[in-house]
């Protein structure tokens, strides 16, 4: 995520419709959005990998809904340092989404 200071700087520079990280315009459709995510995944960005896991969890952007694939991606993102991925993994264990339910691991 982007801190408030970075977001404010983007607004002050008149770039409010651009990505604060790469300065590109927002995607116009699902294919463009998925392409942007996949570029960050290829760069091993833990938050992009976590986001791709969320997309698989929900079957968004035309991806196959797959809780097991989502869990694999969350695991990878967590190993790269994403605390949000760890939270999602806990939820997956607690609820049995893509893994055997294990409430102790989920807490």
PDB file of N, CA and C in Angstrom:
ATOM      1  N   UNK A   1       0.835  -1.179   0.000  1.00  0.00           N
ATOM      2  CA  UNK A   1       0.000   0.000   0.000  1.00  0.00           C
ATOM      3  C   UNK A   1       0.879   1.241   0.000  1.00  0.00           C
ATOM      4  N   UNK A   2       0.275   2.344  -0.271  1.00  0.00           N
ATOM      5  CA  UNK A   2       0.989   3.606  -0.374  1.00  0.00           C
ATOM      6  C   UNK A   2       0.666   4.439   0.851  1.00  0.00           C
ATOM      7  N   UNK A   3       1.703   5.039   1.422  1.00  0.00           N
ATOM      8  CA  UNK A   3       1.469   5.855   2.615  1.00  0.00           C
ATOM      9  C   UNK A   3       0.727   7.133   2.234  1.00  0.00           C
ATOM     10  N   UNK A   4       0.111   7.762   3.233  1.00  0.00           N
ATOM     11  CA  UNK A   4      -0.660   8.980   2.984  1.00  0.00           C
ATOM     12  C   UNK A   4       0.204  10.091   2.398  1.00  0.00           C
ATOM     13  N   UNK A   5       1.458  10.202   2.847  1.00  0.00           N
ATOM     14  CA  UNK A   5       2.352  11.231   2.325  1.00  0.00           C
ATOM     15  C   UNK A   5       2.605  11.057   0.837  1.00  0.00           C
ATOM     16  N   UNK A   6       2.826   9.803   0.413  1.00  0.00           N
ATOM     17  CA  UNK A   6       3.049   9.542  -1.011  1.00  0.00           C
ATOM     18  C   UNK A   6       1.783   9.846  -1.812  1.00  0.00           C
ATOM     19  N   UNK A   7       0.647   9.479  -1.272  1.00  0.00           N
ATOM     20  CA  UNK A   7      -0.614   9.749  -1.963  1.00  0.00           C
ATOM     21  C   UNK A   7      -0.841  11.246  -2.095  1.00  0.00           C
ATOM     22  N   UNK A   8      -0.541  12.002  -1.042  1.00  0.00           N
ATOM     23  CA  UNK A   8      -0.697  13.454  -1.081  1.00  0.00           C
ATOM     24  C   UNK A   8       0.249  14.060  -2.119  1.00  0.00           C
ATOM     25  N   UNK A   9       1.488  13.590  -2.160  1.00  0.00           N
ATOM     26  CA  UNK A   9       2.456  14.104  -3.135  1.00  0.00           C
ATOM     27  C   UNK A   9       1.966  13.856  -4.557  1.00  0.00           C
ATOM     28  N   UNK A  10       1.390  12.705  -4.810  1.00  0.00           N
ATOM     29  CA  UNK A  10       0.858  12.394  -6.139  1.00  0.00           C
ATOM     30  C   UNK A  10      -0.243  13.379  -6.497  1.00  0.00           C
ATOM     31  N   UNK A  11      -1.141  13.651  -5.550  1.00  0.00           N
ATOM     32  CA  UNK A  11      -2.225  14.609  -5.799  1.00  0.00           C
ATOM     33  C   UNK A  11      -1.675  16.004  -6.058  1.00  0.00           C
ATOM     34  N   UNK A  12      -0.692  16.430  -5.262  1.00  0.00           N
ATOM     35  CA  UNK A  12      -0.127  17.767  -5.420  1.00  0.00           C
ATOM     36  C   UNK A  12       0.594  17.929  -6.757  1.00  0.00           C
ATOM     37  N   UNK A  13       1.106  16.849  -7.299  1.00  0.00           N
ATOM     38  CA  UNK A  13       1.801  16.897  -8.582  1.00  0.00           C
ATOM     39  C   UNK A  13       0.838  16.747  -9.759  1.00  0.00           C
ATOM     40  N   UNK A  14      -0.458  16.643  -9.462  1.00  0.00           N
ATOM     41  CA  UNK A  14      -1.443  16.516 -10.521  1.00  0.00           C
ATOM     42  C   UNK A  14      -1.486  15.148 -11.168  1.00  0.00           C
ATOM     43  N   UNK A  15      -1.013  14.146 -10.454  1.00  0.00           N
ATOM     44  CA  UNK A  15      -0.981  12.790 -10.998  1.00  0.00           C
ATOM     45  C   UNK A  15      -2.035  11.902 -10.347  1.00  0.00           C
ATOM     46  N   UNK A  16      -3.143  12.507  -9.928  1.00  0.00           N
ATOM     47  CA  UNK A  16      -4.135  11.776  -9.140  1.00  0.00           C
ATOM     48  C   UNK A  16      -4.780  10.609  -9.861  1.00  0.00           C
ATOM     49  N   UNK A  17      -4.677  10.560 -11.171  1.00  0.00           N
ATOM     50  CA  UNK A  17      -5.242   9.409 -11.879  1.00  0.00           C
ATOM     51  C   UNK A  17      -4.162   8.426 -12.317  1.00  0.00           C
ATOM     52  N   UNK A  18      -2.977   8.524 -11.699  1.00  0.00           N
ATOM     53  CA  UNK A  18      -1.866   7.637 -12.027  1.00  0.00           C
ATOM     54  C   UNK A  18      -1.498   6.790 -10.819  1.00  0.00           C
ATOM     55  N   UNK A  19      -0.864   5.679 -11.093  1.00  0.00           N
ATOM     56  CA  UNK A  19      -0.359   4.816 -10.030  1.00  0.00           C
ATOM     57  C   UNK A  19       0.777   5.535  -9.306  1.00  0.00           C
ATOM     58  N   UNK A  20       0.724   5.634  -7.967  1.00  0.00           N
ATOM     59  CA  UNK A  20       1.800   6.315  -7.247  1.00  0.00           C
ATOM     60  C   UNK A  20       3.145   5.603  -7.344  1.00  0.00           C
ATOM     61  N   UNK A  21       3.135   4.324  -7.695  1.00  0.00           N
ATOM     62  CA  UNK A  21       4.393   3.584  -7.819  1.00  0.00           C
ATOM     63  C   UNK A  21       5.035   3.773  -9.187  1.00  0.00           C
ATOM     64  N   UNK A  22       4.274   3.505 -10.239  1.00  0.00           N
ATOM     65  CA  UNK A  22       4.877   3.473 -11.583  1.00  0.00           C
ATOM     66  C   UNK A  22       4.407   4.601 -12.485  1.00  0.00           C
ATOM     67  N   UNK A  23       3.477   5.419 -12.018  1.00  0.00           N
ATOM     68  CA  UNK A  23       2.965   6.581 -12.744  1.00  0.00           C
ATOM     69  C   UNK A  23       2.180   6.237 -14.011  1.00  0.00           C
ATOM     70  N   UNK A  24       1.762   5.003 -14.151  1.00  0.00           N
ATOM     71  CA  UNK A  24       0.958   4.640 -15.311  1.00  0.00           C
ATOM     72  C   UNK A  24      -0.508   4.947 -15.030  1.00  0.00           C
ATOM     73  N   UNK A  25      -1.254   5.084 -16.088  1.00  0.00           N
ATOM     74  CA  UNK A  25      -2.693   5.318 -15.968  1.00  0.00           C
ATOM     75  C   UNK A  25      -3.366   4.044 -15.474  1.00  0.00           C
ATOM     76  N   UNK A  26      -4.504   4.183 -14.803  1.00  0.00           N
ATOM     77  CA  UNK A  26      -5.214   2.982 -14.330  1.00  0.00           C
ATOM     78  C   UNK A  26      -5.662   2.112 -15.510  1.00  0.00           C
ATOM     79  N   UNK A  27      -5.765   0.815 -15.286  1.00  0.00           N
ATOM     80  CA  UNK A  27      -6.197  -0.083 -16.367  1.00  0.00           C
ATOM     81  C   UNK A  27      -7.635   0.221 -16.778  1.00  0.00           C
ATOM     82  N   UNK A  28      -7.909   0.006 -18.053  1.00  0.00           N
ATOM     83  CA  UNK A  28      -9.238   0.286 -18.600  1.00  0.00           C
ATOM     84  C   UNK A  28     -10.144  -0.944 -18.624  1.00  0.00           C
ATOM     85  N   UNK A  29      -9.545  -2.137 -18.436  1.00  0.00           N
ATOM     86  CA  UNK A  29     -10.354  -3.351 -18.453  1.00  0.00           C
ATOM     87  C   UNK A  29      -9.636  -4.432 -17.631  1.00  0.00           C
ATOM     88  N   UNK A  30     -10.292  -5.561 -17.489  1.00  0.00           N
ATOM     89  CA  UNK A  30      -9.738  -6.656 -16.685  1.00  0.00           C
ATOM     90  C   UNK A  30      -8.425  -7.186 -17.232  1.00  0.00           C
ATOM     91  N   UNK A  31      -8.310  -7.263 -18.561  1.00  0.00           N
ATOM     92  CA  UNK A  31      -7.070  -7.776 -19.157  1.00  0.00           C
ATOM     93  C   UNK A  31      -5.886  -6.875 -18.829  1.00  0.00           C
ATOM     94  N   UNK A  32      -6.087  -5.564 -18.927  1.00  0.00           N
ATOM     95  CA  UNK A  32      -5.018  -4.621 -18.598  1.00  0.00           C
ATOM     96  C   UNK A  32      -4.670  -4.703 -17.115  1.00  0.00           C
ATOM     97  N   UNK A  33      -5.688  -4.833 -16.271  1.00  0.00           N
ATOM     98  CA  UNK A  33      -5.450  -4.928 -14.828  1.00  0.00           C
ATOM     99  C   UNK A  33      -4.655  -6.185 -14.502  1.00  0.00           C
ATOM    100  N   UNK A  34      -5.034  -7.298 -15.102  1.00  0.00           N
ATOM    101  CA  UNK A  34      -4.316  -8.549 -14.855  1.00  0.00           C
ATOM    102  C   UNK A  34      -2.880  -8.466 -15.373  1.00  0.00           C
ATOM    103  N   UNK A  35      -2.682  -7.816 -16.520  1.00  0.00           N
ATOM    104  CA  UNK A  35      -1.323  -7.639 -17.048  1.00  0.00           C
ATOM    105  C   UNK A  35      -0.456  -6.861 -16.066  1.00  0.00           C
ATOM    106  N   UNK A  36      -1.022  -5.812 -15.461  1.00  0.00           N
ATOM    107  CA  UNK A  36      -0.261  -5.014 -14.493  1.00  0.00           C
ATOM    108  C   UNK A  36       0.111  -5.859 -13.272  1.00  0.00           C
ATOM    109  N   UNK A  37      -0.844  -6.644 -12.790  1.00  0.00           N
ATOM    110  CA  UNK A  37      -0.575  -7.513 -11.640  1.00  0.00           C
ATOM    111  C   UNK A  37       0.511  -8.525 -11.987  1.00  0.00           C
ATOM    112  N   UNK A  38       0.410  -9.130 -13.149  1.00  0.00           N
ATOM    113  CA  UNK A  38       1.374 -10.160 -13.544  1.00  0.00           C
ATOM    114  C   UNK A  38       2.789  -9.598 -13.709  1.00  0.00           C
ATOM    115  N   UNK A  39       2.920  -8.348 -14.141  1.00  0.00           N
ATOM    116  CA  UNK A  39       4.247  -7.724 -14.222  1.00  0.00           C
ATOM    117  C   UNK A  39       4.871  -7.622 -12.836  1.00  0.00           C
ATOM    118  N   UNK A  40       4.064  -7.260 -11.843  1.00  0.00           N
ATOM    119  CA  UNK A  40       4.571  -7.149 -10.478  1.00  0.00           C
ATOM    120  C   UNK A  40       4.832  -8.536  -9.893  1.00  0.00           C
ATOM    121  N   UNK A  41       4.019  -9.514 -10.240  1.00  0.00           N
ATOM    122  CA  UNK A  41       4.249 -10.893  -9.783  1.00  0.00           C
ATOM    123  C   UNK A  41       5.581 -11.392 -10.345  1.00  0.00           C
ATOM    124  N   UNK A  42       5.841 -11.103 -11.615  1.00  0.00           N
ATOM    125  CA  UNK A  42       7.099 -11.521 -12.238  1.00  0.00           C
ATOM    126  C   UNK A  42       8.302 -10.883 -11.540  1.00  0.00           C
ATOM    127  N   UNK A  43       8.096  -9.701 -10.954  1.00  0.00           N
ATOM    128  CA  UNK A  43       9.165  -9.015 -10.218  1.00  0.00           C
ATOM    129  C   UNK A  43       9.250  -9.490  -8.765  1.00  0.00           C
ATOM    130  N   UNK A  44       8.437 -10.498  -8.426  1.00  0.00           N
ATOM    131  CA  UNK A  44       8.410 -11.107  -7.081  1.00  0.00           C
ATOM    132  C   UNK A  44       7.959 -10.108  -6.004  1.00  0.00           C
ATOM    133  N   UNK A  45       7.003  -9.257  -6.349  1.00  0.00           N
ATOM    134  CA  UNK A  45       6.407  -8.306  -5.409  1.00  0.00           C
ATOM    135  C   UNK A  45       5.438  -9.073  -4.518  1.00  0.00           C
ATOM    136  N   UNK A  46       5.709  -9.152  -3.196  1.00  0.00           N
ATOM    137  CA  UNK A  46       4.857  -9.973  -2.331  1.00  0.00           C
ATOM    138  C   UNK A  46       3.396  -9.523  -2.301  1.00  0.00           C
ATOM    139  N   UNK A  47       3.144  -8.222  -2.384  1.00  0.00           N
ATOM    140  CA  UNK A  47       1.748  -7.757  -2.355  1.00  0.00           C
ATOM    141  C   UNK A  47       1.035  -8.075  -3.666  1.00  0.00           C
ATOM    142  N   UNK A  48       1.752  -8.058  -4.765  1.00  0.00           N
ATOM    143  CA  UNK A  48       1.141  -8.446  -6.044  1.00  0.00           C
ATOM    144  C   UNK A  48       0.818  -9.935  -6.047  1.00  0.00           C
ATOM    145  N   UNK A  49       1.710 -10.730  -5.482  1.00  0.00           N
ATOM    146  CA  UNK A  49       1.471 -12.173  -5.400  1.00  0.00           C
ATOM    147  C   UNK A  49       0.275 -12.439  -4.494  1.00  0.00           C
ATOM    148  N   UNK A  50       0.183 -11.719  -3.385  1.00  0.00           N
ATOM    149  CA  UNK A  50      -0.972 -11.849  -2.496  1.00  0.00           C
ATOM    150  C   UNK A  50      -2.248 -11.451  -3.226  1.00  0.00           C
ATOM    151  N   UNK A  51      -2.173 -10.351  -3.982  1.00  0.00           N
ATOM    152  CA  UNK A  51      -3.337  -9.883  -4.732  1.00  0.00           C
ATOM    153  C   UNK A  51      -3.765 -10.921  -5.772  1.00  0.00           C
ATOM    154  N   UNK A  52      -2.798 -11.535  -6.443  1.00  0.00           N
ATOM    155  CA  UNK A  52      -3.122 -12.589  -7.407  1.00  0.00           C
ATOM    156  C   UNK A  52      -3.812 -13.757  -6.696  1.00  0.00           C
ATOM    157  N   UNK A  53      -3.371 -14.053  -5.483  1.00  0.00           N
ATOM    158  CA  UNK A  53      -4.054 -15.077  -4.691  1.00  0.00           C
ATOM    159  C   UNK A  53      -5.507 -14.697  -4.429  1.00  0.00           C
ATOM    160  N   UNK A  54      -5.741 -13.419  -4.091  1.00  0.00           N
ATOM    161  CA  UNK A  54      -7.115 -12.952  -3.887  1.00  0.00           C
ATOM    162  C   UNK A  54      -7.938 -13.107  -5.162  1.00  0.00           C
ATOM    163  N   UNK A  55      -7.323 -12.800  -6.296  1.00  0.00           N
ATOM    164  CA  UNK A  55      -8.040 -12.919  -7.573  1.00  0.00           C
ATOM    165  C   UNK A  55      -8.432 -14.366  -7.842  1.00  0.00           C
ATOM    166  N   UNK A  56      -7.535 -15.310  -7.546  1.00  0.00           N
ATOM    167  CA  UNK A  56      -7.864 -16.729  -7.717  1.00  0.00           C
ATOM    168  C   UNK A  56      -8.923 -17.172  -6.711  1.00  0.00           C
ATOM    169  N   UNK A  57      -8.862 -16.634  -5.521  1.00  0.00           N
ATOM    170  CA  UNK A  57      -9.846 -16.984  -4.499  1.00  0.00           C
ATOM    171  C   UNK A  57     -11.260 -16.621  -4.952  1.00  0.00           C
ATOM    172  N   UNK A  58     -11.373 -15.491  -5.659  1.00  0.00           N
ATOM    173  CA  UNK A  58     -12.682 -14.998  -6.087  1.00  0.00           C
ATOM    174  C   UNK A  58     -13.002 -15.271  -7.551  1.00  0.00           C
ATOM    175  N   UNK A  59     -12.035 -15.812  -8.301  1.00  0.00           N
ATOM    176  CA  UNK A  59     -12.261 -16.036  -9.725  1.00  0.00           C
ATOM    177  C   UNK A  59     -12.402 -14.741 -10.503  1.00  0.00           C
ATOM    178  N   UNK A  60     -11.674 -13.703 -10.099  1.00  0.00           N
ATOM    179  CA  UNK A  60     -11.770 -12.390 -10.734  1.00  0.00           C
ATOM    180  C   UNK A  60     -10.895 -12.307 -11.976  1.00  0.00           C
ATOM    181  N   UNK A  61     -11.155 -11.297 -12.799  1.00  0.00           N
ATOM    182  CA  UNK A  61     -10.387 -11.008 -14.022  1.00  0.00           C
ATOM    183  C   UNK A  61     -10.326 -12.205 -14.952  1.00  0.00           C
ATOM    184  N   UNK A  62     -11.325 -13.045 -14.910  1.00  0.00           N
ATOM    185  CA  UNK A  62     -11.380 -14.197 -15.794  1.00  0.00           C
ATOM    186  C   UNK A  62     -10.528 -15.376 -15.355  1.00  0.00           C
ATOM    187  N   UNK A  63      -9.911 -15.276 -14.180  1.00  0.00           N
ATOM    188  CA  UNK A  63      -9.106 -16.395 -13.670  1.00  0.00           C
ATOM    189  C   UNK A  63     -10.020 -17.466 -13.101  1.00  0.00           C
ATOM    190  N   UNK A  64      -9.557 -18.688 -13.155  1.00  0.00           N
ATOM    191  CA  UNK A  64     -10.314 -19.789 -12.571  1.00  0.00           C
ATOM    192  C   UNK A  64     -10.360 -19.623 -11.053  1.00  0.00           C
ATOM    193  N   UNK A  65     -11.536 -19.774 -10.475  1.00  0.00           N
ATOM    194  CA  UNK A  65     -11.651 -19.738  -9.014  1.00  0.00           C
ATOM    195  C   UNK A  65     -10.997 -21.000  -8.464  1.00  0.00           C
ATOM    196  N   UNK A  66      -9.982 -20.821  -7.653  1.00  0.00           N
ATOM    197  CA  UNK A  66      -9.250 -21.955  -7.105  1.00  0.00           C
ATOM    198  C   UNK A  66      -8.703 -21.590  -5.739  1.00  0.00           C
ATOM    199  N   UNK A  67      -9.326 -22.133  -4.717  1.00  0.00           N
ATOM    200  CA  UNK A  67      -8.875 -21.858  -3.356  1.00  0.00           C
ATOM    201  C   UNK A  67      -7.493 -22.455  -3.093  1.00  0.00           C
ATOM    202  N   UNK A  68      -7.212 -23.615  -3.691  1.00  0.00           N
ATOM    203  CA  UNK A  68      -5.900 -24.221  -3.469  1.00  0.00           C
ATOM    204  C   UNK A  68      -4.797 -23.396  -4.141  1.00  0.00           C
ATOM    205  N   UNK A  69      -5.043 -22.892  -5.348  1.00  0.00           N
ATOM    206  CA  UNK A  69      -4.057 -22.032  -6.020  1.00  0.00           C
ATOM    207  C   UNK A  69      -3.899 -20.722  -5.233  1.00  0.00           C
ATOM    208  N   UNK A  70      -5.001 -20.198  -4.739  1.00  0.00           N
ATOM    209  CA  UNK A  70      -4.935 -18.977  -3.935  1.00  0.00           C
ATOM    210  C   UNK A  70      -4.057 -19.201  -2.710  1.00  0.00           C
ATOM    211  N   UNK A  71      -4.211 -20.349  -2.057  1.00  0.00           N
ATOM    212  CA  UNK A  71      -3.416 -20.634  -0.867  1.00  0.00           C
ATOM    213  C   UNK A  71      -1.933 -20.763  -1.217  1.00  0.00           C
ATOM    214  N   UNK A  72      -1.620 -21.375  -2.355  1.00  0.00           N
ATOM    215  CA  UNK A  72      -0.219 -21.478  -2.797  1.00  0.00           C
ATOM    216  C   UNK A  72       0.386 -20.084  -2.961  1.00  0.00           C
ATOM    217  N   UNK A  73      -0.374 -19.182  -3.590  1.00  0.00           N
ATOM    218  CA  UNK A  73       0.115 -17.826  -3.813  1.00  0.00           C
ATOM    219  C   UNK A  73       0.245 -17.057  -2.504  1.00  0.00           C
ATOM    220  N   UNK A  74      -0.701 -17.245  -1.599  1.00  0.00           N
ATOM    221  CA  UNK A  74      -0.611 -16.587  -0.292  1.00  0.00           C
ATOM    222  C   UNK A  74       0.618 -17.067   0.469  1.00  0.00           C
ATOM    223  N   UNK A  75       0.904 -18.353   0.375  1.00  0.00           N
ATOM    224  CA  UNK A  75       2.088 -18.908   1.036  1.00  0.00           C
ATOM    225  C   UNK A  75       3.353 -18.273   0.474  1.00  0.00           C
ATOM    226  N   UNK A  76       3.421 -18.171  -0.848  1.00  0.00           N
ATOM    227  CA  UNK A  76       4.586 -17.555  -1.486  1.00  0.00           C
ATOM    228  C   UNK A  76       4.732 -16.090  -1.056  1.00  0.00           C
ATOM    229  N   UNK A  77       3.631 -15.363  -1.051  1.00  0.00           N
ATOM    230  CA  UNK A  77       3.670 -13.957  -0.650  1.00  0.00           C
ATOM    231  C   UNK A  77       4.095 -13.802   0.806  1.00  0.00           C
ATOM    232  N   UNK A  78       3.600 -14.684   1.663  1.00  0.00           N
ATOM    233  CA  UNK A  78       3.969 -14.635   3.077  1.00  0.00           C
ATOM    234  C   UNK A  78       5.460 -14.901   3.255  1.00  0.00           C
ATOM    235  N   UNK A  79       5.980 -15.857   2.502  1.00  0.00           N
ATOM    236  CA  UNK A  79       7.410 -16.164   2.580  1.00  0.00           C
ATOM    237  C   UNK A  79       8.264 -14.984   2.127  1.00  0.00           C
ATOM    238  N   UNK A  80       7.696 -14.136   1.263  1.00  0.00           N
ATOM    239  CA  UNK A  80       8.404 -12.944   0.791  1.00  0.00           C
ATOM    240  C   UNK A  80       8.165 -11.731   1.689  1.00  0.00           C
ATOM    241  N   UNK A  81       7.354 -11.920   2.747  1.00  0.00           N
ATOM    242  CA  UNK A  81       7.200 -10.852   3.735  1.00  0.00           C
ATOM    243  C   UNK A  81       5.860 -10.147   3.791  1.00  0.00           C
ATOM    244  N   UNK A  82       4.851 -10.638   3.123  1.00  0.00           N
ATOM    245  CA  UNK A  82       3.543  -9.982   3.153  1.00  0.00           C
ATOM    246  C   UNK A  82       2.765 -10.363   4.407  1.00  0.00           C
ATOM    247  N   UNK A  83       2.552  -9.392   5.283  1.00  0.00           N
ATOM    248  CA  UNK A  83       1.763  -9.652   6.488  1.00  0.00           C
ATOM    249  C   UNK A  83       0.289  -9.850   6.140  1.00  0.00           C
ATOM    250  N   UNK A  84      -0.175  -9.191   5.087  1.00  0.00           N
ATOM    251  CA  UNK A  84      -1.560  -9.377   4.655  1.00  0.00           C
ATOM    252  C   UNK A  84      -1.781 -10.812   4.176  1.00  0.00           C
ATOM    253  N   UNK A  85      -0.759 -11.392   3.541  1.00  0.00           N
ATOM    254  CA  UNK A  85      -0.864 -12.784   3.106  1.00  0.00           C
ATOM    255  C   UNK A  85      -0.947 -13.708   4.316  1.00  0.00           C
ATOM    256  N   UNK A  86      -0.180 -13.399   5.362  1.00  0.00           N
ATOM    257  CA  UNK A  86      -0.252 -14.211   6.590  1.00  0.00           C
ATOM    258  C   UNK A  86      -1.656 -14.167   7.191  1.00  0.00           C
ATOM    259  N   UNK A  87      -2.257 -12.982   7.192  1.00  0.00           N
ATOM    260  CA  UNK A  87      -3.624 -12.845   7.693  1.00  0.00           C
ATOM    261  C   UNK A  87      -4.576 -13.711   6.875  1.00  0.00           C
ATOM    262  N   UNK A  88      -4.463 -13.631   5.555  1.00  0.00           N
ATOM    263  CA  UNK A  88      -5.338 -14.427   4.684  1.00  0.00           C
ATOM    264  C   UNK A  88      -5.111 -15.924   4.882  1.00  0.00           C
ATOM    265  N   UNK A  89      -3.846 -16.322   5.103  1.00  0.00           N
ATOM    266  CA  UNK A  89      -3.558 -17.738   5.352  1.00  0.00           C
ATOM    267  C   UNK A  89      -4.233 -18.193   6.640  1.00  0.00           C
ATOM    268  N   UNK A  90      -4.187 -17.349   7.659  1.00  0.00           N
ATOM    269  CA  UNK A  90      -4.871 -17.682   8.904  1.00  0.00           C
ATOM    270  C   UNK A  90      -6.357 -17.875   8.687  1.00  0.00           C
ATOM    271  N   UNK A  91      -6.947 -16.990   7.894  1.00  0.00           N
ATOM    272  CA  UNK A  91      -8.372 -17.108   7.584  1.00  0.00           C
ATOM    273  C   UNK A  91      -8.648 -18.397   6.809  1.00  0.00           C
ATOM    274  N   UNK A  92      -7.733 -18.747   5.885  1.00  0.00           N
ATOM    275  CA  UNK A  92      -7.908 -19.964   5.100  1.00  0.00           C
ATOM    276  C   UNK A  92      -7.858 -21.196   5.991  1.00  0.00           C
ATOM    277  N   UNK A  93      -6.872 -21.242   6.881  1.00  0.00           N
ATOM    278  CA  UNK A  93      -6.795 -22.380   7.812  1.00  0.00           C
ATOM    279  C   UNK A  93      -8.031 -22.433   8.711  1.00  0.00           C
ATOM    280  N   UNK A  94      -8.425 -21.315   9.234  1.00  0.00           N
ATOM    281  CA  UNK A  94      -9.558 -21.272  10.165  1.00  0.00           C
ATOM    282  C   UNK A  94     -10.850 -21.752   9.494  1.00  0.00           C
ATOM    283  N   UNK A  95     -11.037 -21.350   8.222  1.00  0.00           N
ATOM    284  CA  UNK A  95     -12.278 -21.673   7.515  1.00  0.00           C
ATOM    285  C   UNK A  95     -12.175 -22.871   6.577  1.00  0.00           C
ATOM    286  N   UNK A  96     -10.948 -23.394   6.394  1.00  0.00           N
ATOM    287  CA  UNK A  96     -10.768 -24.532   5.493  1.00  0.00           C
ATOM    288  C   UNK A  96     -10.861 -24.168   4.028  1.00  0.00           C
ATOM    289  N   UNK A  97     -10.400 -22.968   3.663  1.00  0.00           N
ATOM    290  CA  UNK A  97     -10.423 -22.511   2.272  1.00  0.00           C
ATOM    291  C   UNK A  97      -9.155 -22.963   1.566  1.00  0.00           C
ATOM    292  N   UNK A  98      -9.230 -24.005   0.773  1.00  0.00           N
ATOM    293  CA  UNK A  98      -8.091 -24.464  -0.012  1.00  0.00           C
ATOM    294  C   UNK A  98      -7.117 -25.333   0.757  1.00  0.00           C
ATOM    295  N   UNK A  99      -7.349 -25.520   2.047  1.00  0.00           N
ATOM    296  CA  UNK A  99      -6.515 -26.357   2.902  1.00  0.00           C
ATOM    297  C   UNK A  99      -7.438 -27.060   3.893  1.00  0.00           C
ATOM    298  N   UNK A 100      -6.898 -28.086   4.528  1.00  0.00           N
ATOM    299  CA  UNK A 100      -7.681 -28.749   5.567  1.00  0.00           C
ATOM    300  C   UNK A 100      -7.930 -27.758   6.714  1.00  0.00           C
ATOM    301  N   UNK A 101      -9.145 -27.708   7.191  1.00  0.00           N
ATOM    302  CA  UNK A 101      -9.471 -26.780   8.270  1.00  0.00           C
ATOM    303  C   UNK A 101      -8.647 -27.104   9.515  1.00  0.00           C
ATOM    304  N   UNK A 102      -8.031 -26.062  10.055  1.00  0.00           N
ATOM    305  CA  UNK A 102      -7.209 -26.198  11.273  1.00  0.00           C
ATOM    306  C   UNK A 102      -7.328 -24.895  12.035  1.00  0.00           C
ATOM    307  N   UNK A 103      -8.321 -24.838  12.919  1.00  0.00           N
ATOM    308  CA  UNK A 103      -8.591 -23.589  13.642  1.00  0.00           C
ATOM    309  C   UNK A 103      -7.399 -23.151  14.499  1.00  0.00           C
ATOM    310  N   UNK A 104      -6.629 -24.099  15.004  1.00  0.00           N
ATOM    311  CA  UNK A 104      -5.449 -23.731  15.818  1.00  0.00           C
ATOM    312  C   UNK A 104      -4.431 -22.961  14.957  1.00  0.00           C
ATOM    313  N   UNK A 105      -4.207 -23.416  13.735  1.00  0.00           N
ATOM    314  CA  UNK A 105      -3.294 -22.694  12.832  1.00  0.00           C
ATOM    315  C   UNK A 105      -3.891 -21.369  12.389  1.00  0.00           C
ATOM    316  N   UNK A 106      -5.189 -21.317  12.357  1.00  0.00           N
ATOM    317  CA  UNK A 106      -5.877 -20.121  11.897  1.00  0.00           C
ATOM    318  C   UNK A 106      -5.888 -18.983  12.892  1.00  0.00           C
ATOM    319  N   UNK A 107      -5.574 -19.308  14.131  1.00  0.00           N
ATOM    320  CA  UNK A 107      -5.600 -18.259  15.173  1.00  0.00           C
ATOM    321  C   UNK A 107      -4.269 -17.631  15.338  1.00  0.00           C
TER     322      UNK A 107
END
